[in-house]
C-alpha atoms as a PDB file:
ATOM      1  CA  MET A   1     -12.674  71.933   6.432  1.00  0.00           C
ATOM      2  CA  ASN A   2     -11.515  73.545   9.659  1.00  0.00           C
ATOM      3  CA  PRO A   3     -14.098  76.125  10.883  1.00  0.00           C
ATOM      4  CA  GLU A   4     -11.319  78.201  12.489  1.00  0.00           C
ATOM      5  CA  ALA A   5      -9.689  78.541   9.087  1.00  0.00           C
ATOM      6  CA  VAL A   6     -12.918  79.837   7.571  1.00  0.00           C
ATOM      7  CA  VAL A   7     -13.864  82.640   9.961  1.00  0.00           C
ATOM      8  CA  SER A   8     -11.803  84.257  12.674  1.00  0.00           C
ATOM      9  CA  PRO A   9     -13.699  83.853  15.973  1.00  0.00           C
ATOM     10  CA  VAL A  10     -12.313  87.184  17.177  1.00  0.00           C
ATOM     11  CA  LEU A  11     -13.565  88.964  14.056  1.00  0.00           C
ATOM     12  CA  LEU A  12     -16.937  87.268  14.395  1.00  0.00           C
ATOM     13  CA  ALA A  13     -17.203  88.257  18.075  1.00  0.00           C
ATOM     14  CA  LEU A  14     -16.185  91.842  17.312  1.00  0.00           C
ATOM     15  CA  THR A  15     -18.813  92.073  14.579  1.00  0.00           C
ATOM     16  CA  GLY A  16     -21.430  90.704  16.964  1.00  0.00           C
ATOM     17  CA  LEU A  17     -20.518  93.190  19.687  1.00  0.00           C
ATOM     18  CA  LEU A  18     -20.622  96.114  17.271  1.00  0.00           C
ATOM     19  CA  GLY A  19     -23.991  94.876  16.008  1.00  0.00           C
ATOM     20  CA  LEU A  20     -25.218  94.729  19.601  1.00  0.00           C
ATOM     21  CA  GLY A  21     -24.071  98.332  20.035  1.00  0.00           C
ATOM     22  CA  ALA A  22     -26.077  99.323  16.953  1.00  0.00           C
ATOM     23  CA  LEU A  23     -29.121  97.547  18.417  1.00  0.00           C
ATOM     24  CA  VAL A  24     -28.745  99.529  21.647  1.00  0.00           C
ATOM     25  CA  CYS A  25     -28.566 102.765  19.611  1.00  0.00           C
ATOM     26  CA  TRP A  26     -31.799 101.820  17.847  1.00  0.00           C
ATOM     27  CA  ILE A  27     -33.545 101.104  21.159  1.00  0.00           C
ATOM     28  CA  ILE A  28     -32.408 104.472  22.544  1.00  0.00           C
ATOM     29  CA  GLU A  29     -33.681 106.198  19.380  1.00  0.00           C
ATOM     30  CA  VAL A  30     -37.085 104.491  19.700  1.00  0.00           C
ATOM     31  CA  VAL A  31     -37.395 105.481  23.372  1.00  0.00           C
ATOM     32  CA  THR A  32     -36.376 109.053  22.505  1.00  0.00           C
ATOM     33  CA  ALA A  33     -38.933 109.158  19.682  1.00  0.00           C
ATOM     34  CA  PHE A  34     -41.706 108.239  22.112  1.00  0.00           C
ATOM     35  CA  LYS A  35     -40.519 110.720  24.754  1.00  0.00           C
ATOM     36  CA  LYS A  36     -39.860 113.763  22.547  1.00  0.00           C
ATOM     37  CA  GLU A  37     -42.923 113.687  20.305  1.00  0.00           C
ATOM     38  CA  GLU A  38     -46.427 114.726  21.375  1.00  0.00           C
ATOM     39  CA  LYS A  39     -47.895 111.895  19.327  1.00  0.00           C
ATOM     40  CA  PRO A  40     -46.319 108.421  19.310  1.00  0.00           C
ATOM     41  CA  LEU A  41     -46.249 108.193  15.498  1.00  0.00           C
ATOM     42  CA  MET A  42     -42.456 108.548  15.136  1.00  0.00           C
ATOM     43  CA  GLY A  43     -41.844 105.921  17.819  1.00  0.00           C
ATOM     44  CA  ILE A  44     -44.295 103.526  16.212  1.00  0.00           C
ATOM     45  CA  LEU A  45     -42.760 104.101  12.774  1.00  0.00           C
ATOM     46  CA  SER A  46     -39.277 103.556  14.228  1.00  0.00           C
ATOM     47  CA  ILE A  47     -40.407 100.150  15.483  1.00  0.00           C
ATOM     48  CA  VAL A  48     -42.524  99.106  12.478  1.00  0.00           C
ATOM     49  CA  LEU A  49     -39.889 100.152   9.945  1.00  0.00           C
ATOM     50  CA  CYS A  50     -37.256  98.312  11.987  1.00  0.00           C
ATOM     51  CA  SER A  51     -33.749  99.583  12.436  1.00  0.00           C
ATOM     52  CA  LEU A  52     -33.370 101.232   9.028  1.00  0.00           C
ATOM     53  CA  GLY A  53     -36.556 103.254   9.459  1.00  0.00           C
ATOM     54  CA  GLY A  54     -35.491 104.248  12.961  1.00  0.00           C
ATOM     55  CA  PHE A  55     -32.114 105.258  11.579  1.00  0.00           C
ATOM     56  CA  VAL A  56     -33.665 107.571   8.982  1.00  0.00           C
ATOM     57  CA  ILE A  57     -36.205 109.009  11.427  1.00  0.00           C
ATOM     58  CA  GLY A  58     -33.445 109.525  13.996  1.00  0.00           C
ATOM     59  CA  TRP A  59     -31.311 111.488  11.548  1.00  0.00           C
ATOM     60  CA  ILE A  60     -34.290 113.582  10.431  1.00  0.00           C
ATOM     61  CA  HIS A  61     -35.053 114.571  14.037  1.00  0.00           C
ATOM     62  CA  ALA A  62     -31.510 114.394  15.497  1.00  0.00           C
ATOM     63  CA  LYS A  63     -31.143 118.098  16.312  1.00  0.00           C
ATOM     64  CA  LYS A  64     -34.735 118.505  17.477  1.00  0.00           C
ATOM     65  CA  TRP A  65     -34.454 115.527  19.848  1.00  0.00           C
ATOM     66  CA  GLY A  66     -30.843 116.219  20.857  1.00  0.00           C
ATOM     67  CA  ILE A  67     -29.503 112.852  19.712  1.00  0.00           C
ATOM     68  CA  THR A  68     -26.895 113.974  17.184  1.00  0.00           C
ATOM     69  CA  LYS A  69     -24.034 112.230  19.032  1.00  0.00           C
ATOM     70  CA  LEU A  70     -26.089 109.047  19.284  1.00  0.00           C
ATOM     71  CA  MET A  71     -26.808 109.130  15.559  1.00  0.00           C
ATOM     72  CA  VAL A  72     -23.137 109.725  14.687  1.00  0.00           C
ATOM     73  CA  GLY A  73     -22.182 106.773  16.899  1.00  0.00           C
ATOM     74  CA  TRP A  74     -24.890 104.608  15.354  1.00  0.00           C
ATOM     75  CA  THR A  75     -23.711 105.565  11.864  1.00  0.00           C
ATOM     76  CA  ILE A  76     -20.109 104.636  12.701  1.00  0.00           C
ATOM     77  CA  LEU A  77     -21.233 101.321  14.199  1.00  0.00           C
ATOM     78  CA  ALA A  78     -23.373 100.556  11.136  1.00  0.00           C
ATOM     79  CA  ILE A  79     -20.469 101.258   8.779  1.00  0.00           C
ATOM     80  CA  LEU A  80     -18.062  99.132  10.834  1.00  0.00           C
ATOM     81  CA  VAL A  81     -20.530  96.245  11.022  1.00  0.00           C
ATOM     82  CA  GLY A  82     -21.092  96.414   7.256  1.00  0.00           C
ATOM     83  CA  VAL A  83     -17.364  96.406   6.525  1.00  0.00           C
ATOM     84  CA  LEU A  84     -16.682  93.553   8.953  1.00  0.00           C
ATOM     85  CA  TYR A  85     -19.542  91.480   7.518  1.00  0.00           C
ATOM     86  CA  GLY A  86     -18.006  92.030   4.088  1.00  0.00           C
ATOM     87  CA  VAL A  87     -14.640  90.798   5.372  1.00  0.00           C
ATOM     88  CA  LEU A  88     -16.285  87.773   7.002  1.00  0.00           C
ATOM     89  CA  ILE A  89     -18.168  86.878   3.824  1.00  0.00           C
ATOM     90  CA  ALA A  90     -15.033  87.295   1.708  1.00  0.00           C
ATOM     91  CA  SER A  91     -12.946  85.087   4.005  1.00  0.00           C
ATOM     92  CA  ALA A  92     -15.654  82.423   4.169  1.00  0.00           C
ATOM     93  CA  SER A  93     -16.081  82.507   0.380  1.00  0.00           C
ATOM     94  CA  ALA A  94     -12.339  82.139  -0.149  1.00  0.00           C
ATOM     95  CA  ALA A  95     -12.222  79.187   2.240  1.00  0.00           C
ATOM     96  CA  VAL A  96     -15.171  77.504   0.534  1.00  0.00           C
ATOM     97  CA  GLY A  97     -13.536  78.029  -2.871  1.00  0.00           C
ATOM     98  CA  ASP A  98     -10.280  76.498  -1.609  1.00  0.00           C
ATOM     99  CA  GLU A  99     -12.172  73.525  -0.193  1.00  0.00           C
ATOM    100  CA  MET A 100     -14.037  72.996  -3.468  1.00  0.00           C
ATOM    101  CA  ARG A 101     -10.761  73.067  -5.417  1.00  0.00           C
ATOM    102  CA  ARG A 102      -9.221  70.573  -2.980  1.00  0.00           C
ATOM    103  CA  GLN A 103     -12.181  68.208  -3.321  1.00  0.00           C
ATOM    104  CA  SER A 104     -12.108  68.558  -7.100  1.00  0.00           C
ATOM    105  CA  MET A 105      -8.421  67.588  -7.116  1.00  0.00           C
ATOM    106  CA  GLU A 106      -9.199  64.564  -4.939  1.00  0.00           C
ATOM    107  CA  ILE A 107     -11.966  63.468  -7.280  1.00  0.00           C
ATOM    108  CA  GLN A 108      -9.721  63.883 -10.322  1.00  0.00           C
ATOM    109  CA  SER A 109      -7.010  61.777  -8.696  1.00  0.00           C
ATOM    110  CA  ILE A 110      -9.329  58.806  -8.146  1.00  0.00           C
ATOM    111  CA  GLU A 111      -8.665  56.092 -10.673  1.00  0.00           C
ATOM    112  CA  ILE A 112     -11.766  54.611 -12.203  1.00  0.00           C
ATOM    113  CA  PRO A 113     -11.337  51.014 -13.328  1.00  0.00           C
ATOM    114  CA  GLU A 114     -12.251  50.324 -16.907  1.00  0.00           C
ATOM    115  CA  LEU A 115     -15.156  47.986 -17.326  1.00  0.00           C
ATOM    116  CA  GLU A 116     -15.188  45.383 -20.016  1.00  0.00           C
ATOM    117  CA  ALA A 117     -18.277  45.025 -22.118  1.00  0.00           C
ATOM    118  CA  PRO A 118     -20.103  41.735 -21.548  1.00  0.00           C
ATOM    119  CA  ALA A 119     -19.629  39.120 -24.226  1.00  0.00           C
ATOM    120  CA  PRO A 120     -22.621  38.656 -26.533  1.00  0.00           C
END
């Protein structure tokens, strides 16, 4: 099976870059949470709850912290990454299915010699 036929390298690279952008948005949100709050609880929760927790906390405090544009950008990146991962999984699944059908056809085309029973 040709790996290039399974997943487009350009699509994979684009998904990776968009994911990197989402990571940068999360880091900015965590830094903002530590800077804008009197107590570091929101920053700590943003780290402990990983990206999803930071995403929710960021949206809850977006206006208060002045990061509405960042959160909109992060949301768009998250949606694009999710869609592209879906496309990548679908294309890889289709390629694996095609390969399994091809191998099944090869196995079915193999002739198995008939064995004679040993004489008693």
